[in-house]
Structure formats: structure tokens, C-alpha cells
Protein backbone atom coordinates (compact mmCIF):
# COMPACT_ATOMS: atom_id res chain seq x y z
CA LYS A 1 3.73 -5.39 -7.13
CA LEU A 2 0.95 -7.20 -5.17
CA SER A 3 -0.76 -10.41 -6.21
CA GLU A 4 -4.04 -12.08 -5.39
CA LYS A 5 -5.36 -15.37 -6.73
CA GLY A 6 -2.58 -15.60 -9.21
CA LYS A 7 -2.89 -12.11 -10.60
CA SER A 8 -0.60 -9.21 -9.88
CA PHE A 9 -1.23 -5.54 -9.91
CA GLU A 10 0.87 -2.46 -9.25
CA ALA A 11 0.40 -0.17 -6.28
CA ARG A 12 2.21 3.08 -5.77
CA LEU A 13 3.35 4.77 -2.62
CA TYR A 14 0.40 6.90 -1.41
CA SER A 15 1.31 8.17 2.06
CA VAL A 16 4.04 7.99 4.65
CA ASP A 17 3.48 8.68 8.27
CA GLY A 18 -0.07 10.06 7.44
CA LYS A 19 1.14 12.49 4.85
CA LYS A 20 0.21 12.08 1.18
CA THR A 21 3.34 11.48 -0.82
CA ASP A 22 4.30 11.67 -4.46
CA LYS A 23 7.70 10.76 -5.97
CA LEU A 24 8.91 14.43 -5.82
CA ASP A 25 8.58 14.26 -2.00
CA VAL A 26 11.25 11.51 -1.80
CA GLY A 27 14.27 13.72 -2.08
CA THR A 28 17.30 11.33 -1.89
CA ALA A 29 18.22 7.91 -3.04
CA ALA A 30 18.91 6.92 0.55
CA GLU A 31 15.31 7.95 1.56
CA ALA A 32 13.85 6.01 -1.41
CA GLU A 33 15.91 2.83 -0.49
CA ALA A 34 14.79 3.05 3.09
CA LEU A 35 11.14 3.21 2.09
CA ARG A 36 11.74 0.32 -0.35
CA VAL A 37 13.23 -1.80 2.41
CA ALA A 38 10.39 -0.95 4.79
CA ILE A 39 7.71 -1.85 2.21
CA ALA A 40 9.45 -5.16 1.24
CA ALA A 41 9.74 -6.17 4.90
CA GLY A 42 6.05 -5.49 5.51
CA THR A 43 2.88 -7.39 5.11
CA PHE A 44 -0.07 -6.05 3.03
CA SER A 45 -3.72 -5.55 3.88
CA VAL A 46 -6.36 -3.96 1.59
CA SER A 47 -7.96 -1.49 3.86
CA ALA A 48 -10.47 0.04 1.41
CA VAL A 49 -11.82 -0.71 -2.07
CA ASP A 50 -13.82 1.91 -3.85
CA ARG A 51 -15.62 1.18 -7.23
CA LYS A 52 -17.15 3.98 -9.28
CA PRO A 53 -18.90 3.73 -12.56
CA THR A 54 -18.06 6.52 -15.00
CA LYS A 55 -18.57 7.50 -18.60
CA ARG A 56 -16.25 8.64 -21.30
CA ASN A 57 -17.94 10.69 -24.13
CA PRO A 58 -16.76 10.85 -27.71
CA TYR A 59 -15.04 13.88 -29.30
CA ALA A 60 -16.76 16.06 -31.81
CA PRO A 61 -16.15 15.52 -35.53
CA PHE A 62 -13.04 16.95 -37.03
CA THR A 63 -12.34 20.58 -37.81
CA THR A 64 -9.25 21.54 -39.79
CA SER A 65 -7.08 22.05 -36.74
CA SER A 66 -8.27 18.90 -34.82
CA LEU A 67 -7.70 16.79 -38.04
CA GLN A 68 -4.16 18.25 -38.41
CA GLN A 69 -3.45 17.41 -34.71
CA ASP A 70 -4.76 13.92 -34.86
CA ALA A 71 -3.03 13.13 -38.27
CA SER A 72 0.20 14.39 -36.84
CA SER A 73 0.05 12.35 -33.61
CA ARG A 74 -1.49 9.14 -35.03
CA LEU A 75 -0.17 9.15 -38.53
CA GLY A 76 2.94 11.25 -38.45
CA PHE A 77 1.58 13.60 -41.21
CA SER A 78 2.67 17.24 -41.30
CA PRO A 79 -0.21 19.77 -41.34
CA SER A 80 0.59 20.63 -44.91
CA ARG A 81 0.69 16.95 -45.95
CA THR A 82 -2.63 16.35 -44.26
CA MET A 83 -4.20 19.19 -46.04
CA GLN A 84 -2.77 17.95 -49.36
CA ILE A 85 -4.35 14.57 -48.88
CA ALA A 86 -7.59 16.00 -47.55
CA GLN A 87 -7.81 18.25 -50.69
CA ARG A 88 -7.60 15.13 -52.94
CA LEU A 89 -10.25 13.35 -50.80
CA TYR A 90 -12.52 16.45 -51.12
CA GLU A 91 -11.96 16.87 -54.87
CA ASP A 92 -12.83 13.16 -55.31
CA GLY A 93 -16.17 13.78 -53.45
CA ILE A 94 -15.18 11.48 -50.53
CA ILE A 95 -15.18 14.01 -47.72
CA THR A 96 -16.72 17.49 -47.12
CA TYR A 97 -14.76 20.74 -47.37
CA MET A 98 -11.59 20.35 -45.33
CA ARG A 99 -11.06 24.01 -44.17
CA THR A 100 -13.66 24.59 -41.41
CA ASP A 101 -13.95 25.58 -37.75
CA GLY A 102 -17.47 24.10 -37.51
CA VAL A 103 -18.14 20.79 -35.59
CA GLN A 104 -21.85 20.70 -36.62
CA MET A 105 -23.12 18.18 -39.14
CA ALA A 106 -26.32 18.38 -41.28
CA PRO A 107 -29.29 16.49 -39.91
CA GLU A 108 -29.26 14.08 -42.83
CA ALA A 109 -25.60 13.40 -42.25
CA ILE A 110 -26.25 12.64 -38.57
CA ASP A 111 -29.12 10.32 -39.55
CA GLN A 112 -26.93 8.52 -42.00
CA ALA A 113 -24.14 8.20 -39.48
CA ARG A 114 -26.56 6.61 -36.93
CA ARG A 115 -27.74 4.10 -39.50
CA ALA A 116 -24.09 3.36 -40.41
CA ILE A 117 -23.34 2.65 -36.80
CA VAL A 118 -26.16 0.15 -36.55
CA LYS A 119 -24.75 -1.54 -39.70
CA GLU A 120 -21.07 -1.59 -38.45
CA PHE A 121 -21.46 -2.10 -34.77
CA GLY A 122 -25.13 -2.83 -33.81
CA ALA A 123 -28.12 -0.92 -32.45
CA ASP A 124 -26.78 -0.98 -28.92
CA TYR A 125 -24.10 1.49 -29.96
CA VAL A 126 -26.52 4.28 -30.98
CA PRO A 127 -27.65 6.65 -28.33
CA GLU A 128 -31.37 7.35 -27.98
CA LYS A 129 -30.91 10.93 -29.19
CA ALA A 130 -28.48 12.27 -31.70
CA ARG A 131 -25.48 14.18 -30.44
CA ILE A 132 -25.42 17.80 -31.38
CA TYR A 133 -22.14 19.64 -31.27
CA GLN A 134 -21.54 23.39 -31.30
CA THR A 135 -18.39 25.40 -31.74
CA LYS A 136 -17.35 27.09 -28.60
CA ALA A 137 -14.59 29.34 -30.07
CA LYS A 138 -15.57 32.92 -30.75
CA ASN A 139 -15.53 34.27 -34.31
CA ALA A 140 -15.29 30.63 -35.64
CA GLN A 141 -16.00 30.24 -39.35
CA GLU A 142 -18.98 27.93 -39.22
CA ALA A 143 -20.18 28.28 -42.80
CA HIS A 144 -18.95 24.80 -43.41
CA GLU A 145 -19.86 21.56 -41.59
CA ALA A 146 -17.24 19.52 -39.74
CA ILE A 147 -14.95 17.38 -41.89
CA ARG A 148 -16.86 14.20 -42.50
CA PRO A 149 -17.49 11.53 -45.09
CA THR A 150 -19.94 12.51 -47.75
CA ASP A 151 -21.21 8.92 -47.53
CA MET A 152 -21.10 7.35 -44.11
CA PHE A 153 -21.53 3.86 -45.62
CA ARG A 154 -18.28 4.23 -47.66
CA HIS A 155 -16.02 2.01 -45.61
CA PRO A 156 -12.29 2.94 -45.39
CA ASN A 157 -11.38 -0.38 -47.05
CA THR A 158 -12.69 0.95 -50.35
CA LEU A 159 -9.62 3.24 -50.41
CA ARG A 160 -6.98 0.61 -49.74
CA GLY A 161 -5.26 1.31 -53.06
CA ASN A 162 -3.90 4.59 -51.80
CA ASP A 163 -2.10 4.20 -48.54
CA GLU A 164 -2.08 7.90 -47.42
CA GLN A 165 -5.65 8.55 -48.48
CA PHE A 166 -6.81 5.34 -46.84
CA LYS A 167 -5.13 6.33 -43.54
CA LEU A 168 -6.53 9.93 -43.41
CA TYR A 169 -9.95 8.80 -44.53
CA ASP A 170 -9.97 5.97 -42.01
CA LEU A 171 -9.28 8.58 -39.36
CA ILE A 172 -12.07 10.78 -40.54
CA TRP A 173 -14.64 8.01 -40.90
CA LYS A 174 -13.92 6.61 -37.48
CA ARG A 175 -14.07 10.04 -35.80
CA THR A 176 -17.33 10.93 -37.50
CA LEU A 177 -19.10 7.68 -36.55
CA ALA A 178 -17.56 7.79 -33.01
CA SER A 179 -19.06 11.29 -32.53
CA GLN A 180 -22.57 9.85 -32.86
CA MET A 181 -22.11 6.70 -30.81
CA ARG A 182 -22.95 5.83 -27.16
CA SER A 183 -20.49 6.81 -24.43
CA ALA A 184 -18.06 4.25 -23.10
CA GLU A 185 -18.92 2.91 -19.72
CA ILE A 186 -15.99 2.29 -17.32
CA GLU A 187 -15.70 0.98 -13.82
CA ARG A 188 -12.81 2.67 -11.98
CA THR A 189 -11.53 0.76 -8.96
CA THR A 190 -9.30 2.27 -6.22
CA ALA A 191 -7.73 -0.05 -3.61
CA ASP A 192 -5.96 1.38 -0.65
CA ILE A 193 -3.34 -0.95 0.93
CA THR A 194 -1.81 -0.73 4.34
CA VAL A 195 1.70 -1.90 4.96
CA PHE A 196 2.14 -3.55 8.47
CA ALA A 197 5.27 -4.50 10.47
CA THR A 198 7.41 -1.61 9.37
CA SER A 199 9.07 1.25 11.37
CA ARG A 200 6.90 3.66 9.28
CA ASP A 201 3.23 4.10 8.72
CA ILE A 202 3.10 3.44 5.03
CA ALA A 203 0.10 3.21 2.61
CA LEU A 204 -0.13 2.20 -0.96
CA ARG A 205 -2.73 2.82 -3.58
CA ALA A 206 -3.64 1.00 -6.70
CA VAL A 207 -6.00 2.35 -9.35
CA GLY A 208 -7.43 0.39 -12.23
CA SER A 209 -10.34 0.65 -14.70
CA VAL A 210 -12.32 -1.83 -16.61
CA VAL A 211 -14.40 -1.02 -19.75
CA THR A 212 -17.84 -2.53 -19.09
CA PHE A 213 -19.31 -1.21 -22.43
CA SER A 214 -17.00 -0.13 -25.17
CA GLY A 215 -19.39 2.45 -26.85
CA PHE A 216 -17.56 4.78 -29.20
CA LEU A 217 -14.23 3.12 -28.20
CA ALA A 218 -15.33 0.20 -30.56
């Protein structure tokens, strides 16, 4: 770890004797220890800093499969349990039909989502133009829209009385609004560090990123 002005950051081994190196190239514990000793004995100098702005775009609204995957990884719901809960939400008129391969939304739903974003997050979070999603998979069943709230202004907190329904609806509501929000803006910084006063030519690299505008991540 390196520090500057009271802050520390982690740098990883990048090259040894001019050859790019990853952890699989260090084959023995003895070799790893020799490199550790050489680095610890050296002095460090930042030889290059590269800053690049980048953007991260939101995901499309949920289909059946993507909802099942997200509910499994985030909530621990099995696919069958997810569909049981979604069925109840659909029957109660809270979400659209939950068996679909389509990622598209009706124009009036997109318009309502954009207005809900303004209400919840502010006008800065709405892109100039609406985002239009299309299914890439061949033979997809696109008769139905993506899985979305029937009313974008129905906040998940209105379902707090039922824990499972709240959790799944919260996932759907956030994904739907996020799909129509501005991209997140991120500055990615790469710092190359030269290690001096060692018996080897060693370079380290540190990579970090800072979110400069949260966009859909909000």
C-alpha cells in the first residue's frame, strides 16, 4: 500500500524486468517473497497518471429471466418463488404480466417513468431523449411489455406490509426507473509507480474510479 497526504491506496504488481506480470506468473512462494522484499526495500515514484472519463449505462427493464436472476442474486429467491410473488403482484394490478421476453415499454409508460424520475431524483437525472430498448434474442416472445410497475408513482414503501412482495416490487420499480435515467459518469484513474533501489526492474499499477455523476446509480 502506498500513501500520499495521509491517504493510502493499493497498488498491484504490474511488471518485473520489463515484462507484464500477473499473480499466475509468480510460480513459487520463494519468488513471491523475493519480490516482496525487493518492493519493501525500494522507494516509489509515480511515473504516469492517466485520467479517463467514462460512462456506465443502465440495464434494460426486466424480462422473466432477468428478474429471476436478479431476485436470486440480490434477494435469495428461487425462480419459482420469484414467479409466485410476481403472480400475486400481477393479480393485484401492481405490475404488468410477469412472463415475457420483451424489454420494450409502452410510450405512455416511458413518459410516466420519466416524470416519476423527476419527482424522485430531479430533472438532472432524466436524459434528453427517452431510452428505447429492443430484444436482441431471436424468436423472443415480445407480445408483452417488460415487467414494470403499472403505476410508476407507486413507491415501494406502499407495500411495506408484505416483506416478500415489497422486496420484489422494490427491485422491479428501481430497475424500471433506472432504465430511463441518465448514464452514470465515472472518472477512471490509472497510476503507474516505479520502484527504485531494487535489484529488479519493478513497476506497480493502481487503478481507481470516482463517480462524478451518479445517474441511474442513484
